[in-house]
Amino acid sequence: MTDRVRVSALADLPDGRGVRVDVGEHRVALFRIGSDVYAIGDLCTHAEASLAEGEVWDGSVECPRHGAEFDLRTGAPGALPATRPVDVYAADVEDGVVFLHLEEAS
C-alpha cells in the first residue's frame, strides 16, 4: 500500500533547485523543473552528501561532494564515483499542492 503525503505547495519549491524534506523515516530530495516535480532519496550512494544541495541540469543532479550524477527520473547514477542508484519516489501535483507517495516507484 502507498501512503500519499502532502509535502509542499508547488509555488514554494524553487525552480531548478532541490529541497530536502523528511517524511517519517524517509529523507527525500524534491526537485521542481517547471511544473514537474521529481523525488529521489536525498543521500548520495557514494558519500552520503545531500543531493538536495546539488546542481541540477538536463534531468540530473550532481552531488555537491564528489560530482556523482543521478538521473531525477530513474535514480540511476550517470557519473562516477557513484555506482548504485538512489531511491525514486512518485510525486504528483494536484491543485498546486505536491504529494509524495512513500512506496518506492522503482
C-alpha atoms as a PDB file:
ATOM      1  CA  MET A   1       0.000   0.000   0.000  1.00  0.00           C
ATOM      2  CA  THR A   2       1.176   3.509  -0.777  1.00  0.00           C
ATOM      3  CA  ASP A   3       0.930   6.448   1.608  1.00  0.00           C
ATOM      4  CA  ARG A   4       0.170   9.728  -0.181  1.00  0.00           C
ATOM      5  CA  VAL A   5       1.513  12.623   1.867  1.00  0.00           C
ATOM      6  CA  ARG A   6       1.274  16.358   1.233  1.00  0.00           C
ATOM      7  CA  VAL A   7       4.812  17.770   1.298  1.00  0.00           C
ATOM      8  CA  SER A   8       4.730  21.283  -0.168  1.00  0.00           C
ATOM      9  CA  ALA A   9       2.953  23.856  -2.237  1.00  0.00           C
ATOM     10  CA  LEU A  10       4.375  23.823  -5.777  1.00  0.00           C
ATOM     11  CA  ALA A  11       4.964  27.582  -5.547  1.00  0.00           C
ATOM     12  CA  ASP A  12       7.210  27.036  -2.501  1.00  0.00           C
ATOM     13  CA  LEU A  13       9.662  24.847  -4.445  1.00  0.00           C
ATOM     14  CA  PRO A  14      12.358  26.833  -6.262  1.00  0.00           C
ATOM     15  CA  ASP A  15      12.510  26.078  -9.988  1.00  0.00           C
ATOM     16  CA  GLY A  16      15.661  24.183 -10.947  1.00  0.00           C
ATOM     17  CA  ARG A  17      16.857  23.562  -7.398  1.00  0.00           C
ATOM     18  CA  GLY A  18      16.420  20.925  -4.733  1.00  0.00           C
ATOM     19  CA  VAL A  19      14.690  20.979  -1.375  1.00  0.00           C
ATOM     20  CA  ARG A  20      15.116  18.341   1.330  1.00  0.00           C
ATOM     21  CA  VAL A  21      12.009  17.044   3.078  1.00  0.00           C
ATOM     22  CA  ASP A  22      11.780  14.487   5.846  1.00  0.00           C
ATOM     23  CA  VAL A  23       8.630  12.398   5.879  1.00  0.00           C
ATOM     24  CA  GLY A  24       8.667   9.816   8.629  1.00  0.00           C
ATOM     25  CA  GLU A  25      11.870   7.842   8.142  1.00  0.00           C
ATOM     26  CA  HIS A  26      12.210   8.969   4.519  1.00  0.00           C
ATOM     27  CA  ARG A  27      14.807  11.636   3.673  1.00  0.00           C
ATOM     28  CA  VAL A  28      13.801  12.906   0.225  1.00  0.00           C
ATOM     29  CA  ALA A  29      15.190  15.486  -2.198  1.00  0.00           C
ATOM     30  CA  LEU A  30      12.450  17.239  -4.195  1.00  0.00           C
ATOM     31  CA  PHE A  31      13.287  18.954  -7.468  1.00  0.00           C
ATOM     32  CA  ARG A  32      10.946  21.234  -9.394  1.00  0.00           C
ATOM     33  CA  ILE A  33      11.598  21.746 -13.091  1.00  0.00           C
ATOM     34  CA  GLY A  34       8.847  23.939 -14.467  1.00  0.00           C
ATOM     35  CA  SER A  35       5.607  22.307 -13.379  1.00  0.00           C
ATOM     36  CA  ASP A  36       7.187  18.854 -12.958  1.00  0.00           C
ATOM     37  CA  VAL A  37       8.361  17.559  -9.577  1.00  0.00           C
ATOM     38  CA  TYR A  38      10.864  14.735  -9.059  1.00  0.00           C
ATOM     39  CA  ALA A  39      11.557  12.987  -5.754  1.00  0.00           C
ATOM     40  CA  ILE A  40      14.659  10.911  -5.046  1.00  0.00           C
ATOM     41  CA  GLY A  41      16.489   9.702  -1.963  1.00  0.00           C
ATOM     42  CA  ASP A  42      18.439  12.646  -0.598  1.00  0.00           C
ATOM     43  CA  LEU A  43      21.674  10.839   0.242  1.00  0.00           C
ATOM     44  CA  CYS A  44      24.305  10.190  -2.421  1.00  0.00           C
ATOM     45  CA  THR A  45      25.079   6.463  -2.520  1.00  0.00           C
ATOM     46  CA  HIS A  46      28.809   7.196  -2.714  1.00  0.00           C
ATOM     47  CA  ALA A  47      29.462   9.578   0.167  1.00  0.00           C
ATOM     48  CA  GLU A  48      26.077  10.343   1.746  1.00  0.00           C
ATOM     49  CA  ALA A  49      26.047  14.044   0.811  1.00  0.00           C
ATOM     50  CA  SER A  50      22.671  15.785   0.450  1.00  0.00           C
ATOM     51  CA  LEU A  51      21.568  15.668  -3.180  1.00  0.00           C
ATOM     52  CA  ALA A  52      19.072  18.468  -2.496  1.00  0.00           C
ATOM     53  CA  GLU A  53      22.130  20.739  -2.299  1.00  0.00           C
ATOM     54  CA  GLY A  54      23.420  19.628  -5.701  1.00  0.00           C
ATOM     55  CA  GLU A  55      23.334  21.416  -9.033  1.00  0.00           C
ATOM     56  CA  VAL A  56      20.543  20.424 -11.442  1.00  0.00           C
ATOM     57  CA  TRP A  57      20.777  20.292 -15.224  1.00  0.00           C
ATOM     58  CA  ASP A  58      19.380  18.186 -18.081  1.00  0.00           C
ATOM     59  CA  GLY A  59      17.263  15.991 -15.803  1.00  0.00           C
ATOM     60  CA  SER A  60      20.128  15.098 -13.444  1.00  0.00           C
ATOM     61  CA  VAL A  61      21.525  16.296 -10.150  1.00  0.00           C
ATOM     62  CA  GLU A  62      25.221  16.474  -9.328  1.00  0.00           C
ATOM     63  CA  CYS A  63      26.327  15.509  -5.838  1.00  0.00           C
ATOM     64  CA  PRO A  64      27.964  18.535  -4.207  1.00  0.00           C
ATOM     65  CA  ARG A  65      30.691  16.450  -2.552  1.00  0.00           C
ATOM     66  CA  HIS A  66      32.383  14.441  -5.344  1.00  0.00           C
ATOM     67  CA  GLY A  67      30.424  15.192  -8.521  1.00  0.00           C
ATOM     68  CA  ALA A  68      28.495  11.932  -8.940  1.00  0.00           C
ATOM     69  CA  GLU A  69      25.368  12.451 -11.048  1.00  0.00           C
ATOM     70  CA  PHE A  70      21.925  10.909 -10.622  1.00  0.00           C
ATOM     71  CA  ASP A  71      19.009  10.860 -13.057  1.00  0.00           C
ATOM     72  CA  LEU A  72      15.997  12.565 -11.464  1.00  0.00           C
ATOM     73  CA  ARG A  73      13.565  10.179 -13.203  1.00  0.00           C
ATOM     74  CA  THR A  74      15.257   6.842 -12.521  1.00  0.00           C
ATOM     75  CA  GLY A  75      17.748   7.485  -9.714  1.00  0.00           C
ATOM     76  CA  ALA A  76      20.446   5.804 -11.817  1.00  0.00           C
ATOM     77  CA  PRO A  77      23.999   7.060 -11.432  1.00  0.00           C
ATOM     78  CA  GLY A  78      25.278   8.791 -14.552  1.00  0.00           C
ATOM     79  CA  ALA A  79      28.828   9.588 -13.473  1.00  0.00           C
ATOM     80  CA  LEU A  80      31.393   8.153 -11.104  1.00  0.00           C
ATOM     81  CA  PRO A  81      32.212   7.856  -8.289  1.00  0.00           C
ATOM     82  CA  ALA A  82      28.650   6.624  -7.540  1.00  0.00           C
ATOM     83  CA  THR A  83      27.792   3.174  -8.872  1.00  0.00           C
ATOM     84  CA  ARG A  84      24.498   2.484  -7.066  1.00  0.00           C
ATOM     85  CA  PRO A  85      21.174   4.246  -7.738  1.00  0.00           C
ATOM     86  CA  VAL A  86      19.238   6.306  -5.213  1.00  0.00           C
ATOM     87  CA  ASP A  87      15.614   5.555  -4.371  1.00  0.00           C
ATOM     88  CA  VAL A  88      12.961   7.189  -6.546  1.00  0.00           C
ATOM     89  CA  TYR A  89       9.543   8.172  -5.216  1.00  0.00           C
ATOM     90  CA  ALA A  90       6.406   9.027  -7.121  1.00  0.00           C
ATOM     91  CA  ALA A  91       5.307  12.629  -6.717  1.00  0.00           C
ATOM     92  CA  ASP A  92       2.292  14.371  -8.166  1.00  0.00           C
ATOM     93  CA  VAL A  93       0.865  17.852  -8.190  1.00  0.00           C
ATOM     94  CA  GLU A  94      -2.817  18.460  -7.595  1.00  0.00           C
ATOM     95  CA  ASP A  95      -4.288  21.965  -7.385  1.00  0.00           C
ATOM     96  CA  GLY A  96      -0.837  23.455  -6.766  1.00  0.00           C
ATOM     97  CA  VAL A  97      -0.001  21.017  -3.948  1.00  0.00           C
ATOM     98  CA  VAL A  98       2.816  18.452  -4.162  1.00  0.00           C
ATOM     99  CA  PHE A  99       2.100  14.967  -2.848  1.00  0.00           C
ATOM    100  CA  LEU A 100       4.709  12.289  -2.266  1.00  0.00           C
ATOM    101  CA  HIS A 101       3.991   8.561  -2.469  1.00  0.00           C
ATOM    102  CA  LEU A 102       6.183   6.832   0.080  1.00  0.00           C
ATOM    103  CA  GLU A 103       6.239   3.468  -1.623  1.00  0.00           C
ATOM    104  CA  GLU A 104       9.267   3.367  -3.907  1.00  0.00           C
ATOM    105  CA  ALA A 105       8.357   3.947  -7.551  1.00  0.00           C
ATOM    106  CA  SER A 106      11.330   1.926  -8.819  1.00  0.00           C
END
